[in-house]
C-alpha cells in the first residue's frame, strides 16, 4: 500500500437562501477563494476557507 498526502480546501459558508451553513470541497486554493468571494456579498454573508491535508491510501495492484 502507498500513502499519499493531498491537500484539499474546504469552504464553509452561510447560504442566505436557506438560512444554513453549508460546505464545499475544492482541489485548489484559487477555486476555493473564488467560491468564497462569490458567497460574501451581503452584510450577513460569510465564508471560511480551510486547508486540509488528507492522506489517500492506494492499494498496490
N, C-alpha and C. Protein backbone atom coordinates (compact mmCIF):
# COMPACT_ATOMS: atom_id res chain seq x y z
N UNK A 1 0.82 -1.19 0.00
CA UNK A 1 0.00 0.00 0.00
C UNK A 1 0.87 1.25 0.00
N UNK A 2 0.37 2.26 -0.66
CA UNK A 2 1.11 3.51 -0.75
C UNK A 2 0.24 4.65 -0.22
N UNK A 3 0.81 5.44 0.67
CA UNK A 3 0.09 6.58 1.23
C UNK A 3 0.54 7.86 0.52
N UNK A 4 -0.43 8.68 0.16
CA UNK A 4 -0.12 9.96 -0.46
C UNK A 4 -0.90 11.05 0.26
N UNK A 5 -0.19 12.07 0.72
CA UNK A 5 -0.84 13.21 1.36
C UNK A 5 -1.27 14.19 0.27
N UNK A 6 -2.53 14.58 0.32
CA UNK A 6 -3.10 15.50 -0.65
C UNK A 6 -3.77 16.63 0.12
N UNK A 7 -3.67 17.84 -0.40
CA UNK A 7 -4.30 18.97 0.27
C UNK A 7 -5.60 19.32 -0.44
N UNK A 8 -6.67 19.44 0.37
CA UNK A 8 -7.97 19.88 -0.12
C UNK A 8 -8.29 21.21 0.54
N UNK A 9 -9.22 21.94 -0.04
CA UNK A 9 -9.62 23.23 0.51
C UNK A 9 -11.12 23.19 0.75
N UNK A 10 -11.50 23.29 2.02
CA UNK A 10 -12.90 23.23 2.41
C UNK A 10 -13.41 24.65 2.64
N UNK A 11 -14.53 24.97 2.00
CA UNK A 11 -15.16 26.28 2.18
C UNK A 11 -16.46 26.07 2.95
N UNK A 12 -16.55 26.68 4.10
CA UNK A 12 -17.78 26.70 4.88
C UNK A 12 -18.36 28.10 4.72
N UNK A 13 -19.64 28.17 4.38
CA UNK A 13 -20.24 29.48 4.09
C UNK A 13 -21.70 29.50 4.54
N UNK A 14 -22.24 30.71 4.68
CA UNK A 14 -23.64 30.88 5.04
C UNK A 14 -24.46 31.03 3.76
N UNK A 15 -25.44 30.15 3.60
CA UNK A 15 -26.34 30.19 2.45
C UNK A 15 -27.60 30.94 2.86
N UNK A 16 -27.71 32.20 2.45
CA UNK A 16 -28.83 33.05 2.86
C UNK A 16 -30.16 32.55 2.30
N UNK A 17 -30.14 31.80 1.20
CA UNK A 17 -31.37 31.29 0.60
C UNK A 17 -32.10 30.32 1.53
N UNK A 18 -31.35 29.52 2.27
CA UNK A 18 -31.99 28.56 3.17
C UNK A 18 -31.70 28.85 4.64
N UNK A 19 -30.84 29.84 4.91
CA UNK A 19 -30.55 30.21 6.30
C UNK A 19 -29.66 29.22 7.03
N UNK A 20 -28.83 28.47 6.30
CA UNK A 20 -27.96 27.45 6.92
C UNK A 20 -26.51 27.60 6.48
N UNK A 21 -25.62 27.08 7.31
CA UNK A 21 -24.21 26.99 6.93
C UNK A 21 -24.06 25.74 6.06
N UNK A 22 -23.26 25.86 5.02
CA UNK A 22 -23.00 24.75 4.10
C UNK A 22 -21.51 24.62 3.88
N UNK A 23 -21.10 23.55 3.22
CA UNK A 23 -19.67 23.34 2.96
C UNK A 23 -19.48 22.76 1.55
N UNK A 24 -18.37 23.13 0.94
CA UNK A 24 -17.96 22.61 -0.37
C UNK A 24 -16.47 22.29 -0.28
N UNK A 25 -16.01 21.36 -1.12
CA UNK A 25 -14.60 20.94 -1.14
C UNK A 25 -14.02 21.23 -2.52
N UNK A 26 -12.80 21.80 -2.54
CA UNK A 26 -12.13 22.16 -3.79
C UNK A 26 -10.72 21.61 -3.80
N UNK A 27 -10.19 21.41 -4.99
CA UNK A 27 -8.83 20.88 -5.14
C UNK A 27 -7.77 21.95 -5.08
N UNK A 28 -8.12 23.20 -5.43
CA UNK A 28 -7.11 24.27 -5.42
C UNK A 28 -7.58 25.43 -4.55
N UNK A 29 -6.62 26.15 -4.02
CA UNK A 29 -6.91 27.32 -3.19
C UNK A 29 -7.61 28.40 -4.02
N UNK A 30 -7.19 28.56 -5.27
CA UNK A 30 -7.79 29.58 -6.13
C UNK A 30 -9.29 29.33 -6.32
N UNK A 31 -9.66 28.07 -6.58
CA UNK A 31 -11.08 27.74 -6.74
C UNK A 31 -11.85 28.00 -5.46
N UNK A 32 -11.27 27.62 -4.32
CA UNK A 32 -11.92 27.80 -3.03
C UNK A 32 -12.12 29.28 -2.72
N UNK A 33 -11.10 30.09 -2.96
CA UNK A 33 -11.21 31.53 -2.69
C UNK A 33 -12.20 32.20 -3.62
N UNK A 34 -12.24 31.79 -4.87
CA UNK A 34 -13.19 32.35 -5.83
C UNK A 34 -14.63 32.05 -5.39
N UNK A 35 -14.86 30.81 -4.97
CA UNK A 35 -16.18 30.40 -4.49
C UNK A 35 -16.56 31.18 -3.23
N UNK A 36 -15.61 31.31 -2.29
CA UNK A 36 -15.87 32.03 -1.05
C UNK A 36 -16.21 33.50 -1.33
N UNK A 37 -15.51 34.11 -2.25
CA UNK A 37 -15.78 35.52 -2.59
C UNK A 37 -17.18 35.70 -3.17
N UNK A 38 -17.62 34.74 -3.96
CA UNK A 38 -18.97 34.83 -4.55
C UNK A 38 -20.05 34.76 -3.48
N UNK A 39 -19.76 34.15 -2.34
CA UNK A 39 -20.76 34.00 -1.29
C UNK A 39 -20.66 35.07 -0.21
N UNK A 40 -19.75 35.99 -0.34
CA UNK A 40 -19.60 37.10 0.63
C UNK A 40 -20.07 38.39 -0.03
N UNK A 41 -21.35 38.49 -0.27
CA UNK A 41 -21.87 39.65 -0.98
C UNK A 41 -22.79 40.53 -0.14
N UNK A 42 -23.22 40.06 1.02
CA UNK A 42 -24.11 40.86 1.85
C UNK A 42 -23.55 41.06 3.24
N UNK A 43 -24.25 41.85 4.00
CA UNK A 43 -23.80 42.16 5.36
C UNK A 43 -23.76 40.93 6.25
N UNK A 44 -24.70 40.01 6.06
CA UNK A 44 -24.77 38.80 6.88
C UNK A 44 -24.04 37.61 6.28
N UNK A 45 -23.44 37.79 5.12
CA UNK A 45 -22.76 36.69 4.43
C UNK A 45 -21.36 36.48 4.99
N UNK A 46 -20.93 35.23 5.01
CA UNK A 46 -19.57 34.93 5.43
C UNK A 46 -19.13 33.62 4.79
N UNK A 47 -17.82 33.44 4.69
CA UNK A 47 -17.23 32.20 4.17
C UNK A 47 -15.84 32.04 4.78
N UNK A 48 -15.48 30.80 5.05
CA UNK A 48 -14.18 30.47 5.63
C UNK A 48 -13.53 29.39 4.76
N UNK A 49 -12.26 29.58 4.40
CA UNK A 49 -11.52 28.59 3.63
C UNK A 49 -10.52 27.92 4.56
N UNK A 50 -10.58 26.58 4.64
CA UNK A 50 -9.64 25.80 5.45
C UNK A 50 -8.83 24.88 4.55
N UNK A 51 -7.53 24.87 4.73
CA UNK A 51 -6.65 23.94 4.01
C UNK A 51 -6.55 22.67 4.84
N UNK A 52 -6.92 21.54 4.25
CA UNK A 52 -6.97 20.26 4.95
C UNK A 52 -6.04 19.27 4.25
N UNK A 53 -5.16 18.63 4.99
CA UNK A 53 -4.31 17.58 4.43
C UNK A 53 -4.99 16.24 4.65
N UNK A 54 -5.21 15.54 3.54
CA UNK A 54 -5.90 14.25 3.57
C UNK A 54 -4.92 13.19 3.08
N UNK A 55 -4.87 12.08 3.77
CA UNK A 55 -3.98 11.00 3.36
C UNK A 55 -4.78 9.97 2.59
N UNK A 56 -4.48 9.84 1.30
CA UNK A 56 -5.13 8.85 0.45
C UNK A 56 -4.28 7.58 0.47
N UNK A 57 -4.91 6.46 0.74
CA UNK A 57 -4.22 5.18 0.75
C UNK A 57 -4.56 4.45 -0.55
N UNK A 58 -3.51 4.10 -1.29
CA UNK A 58 -3.69 3.44 -2.56
C UNK A 58 -3.13 2.02 -2.46
N UNK A 59 -3.96 1.04 -2.72
CA UNK A 59 -3.54 -0.36 -2.65
C UNK A 59 -2.72 -0.71 -3.89
N UNK A 60 -1.67 -1.47 -3.70
CA UNK A 60 -0.84 -1.91 -4.82
C UNK A 60 -1.61 -2.93 -5.65
N UNK A 61 -1.45 -2.86 -6.94
CA UNK A 61 -2.17 -3.78 -7.84
C UNK A 61 -1.47 -5.11 -7.92
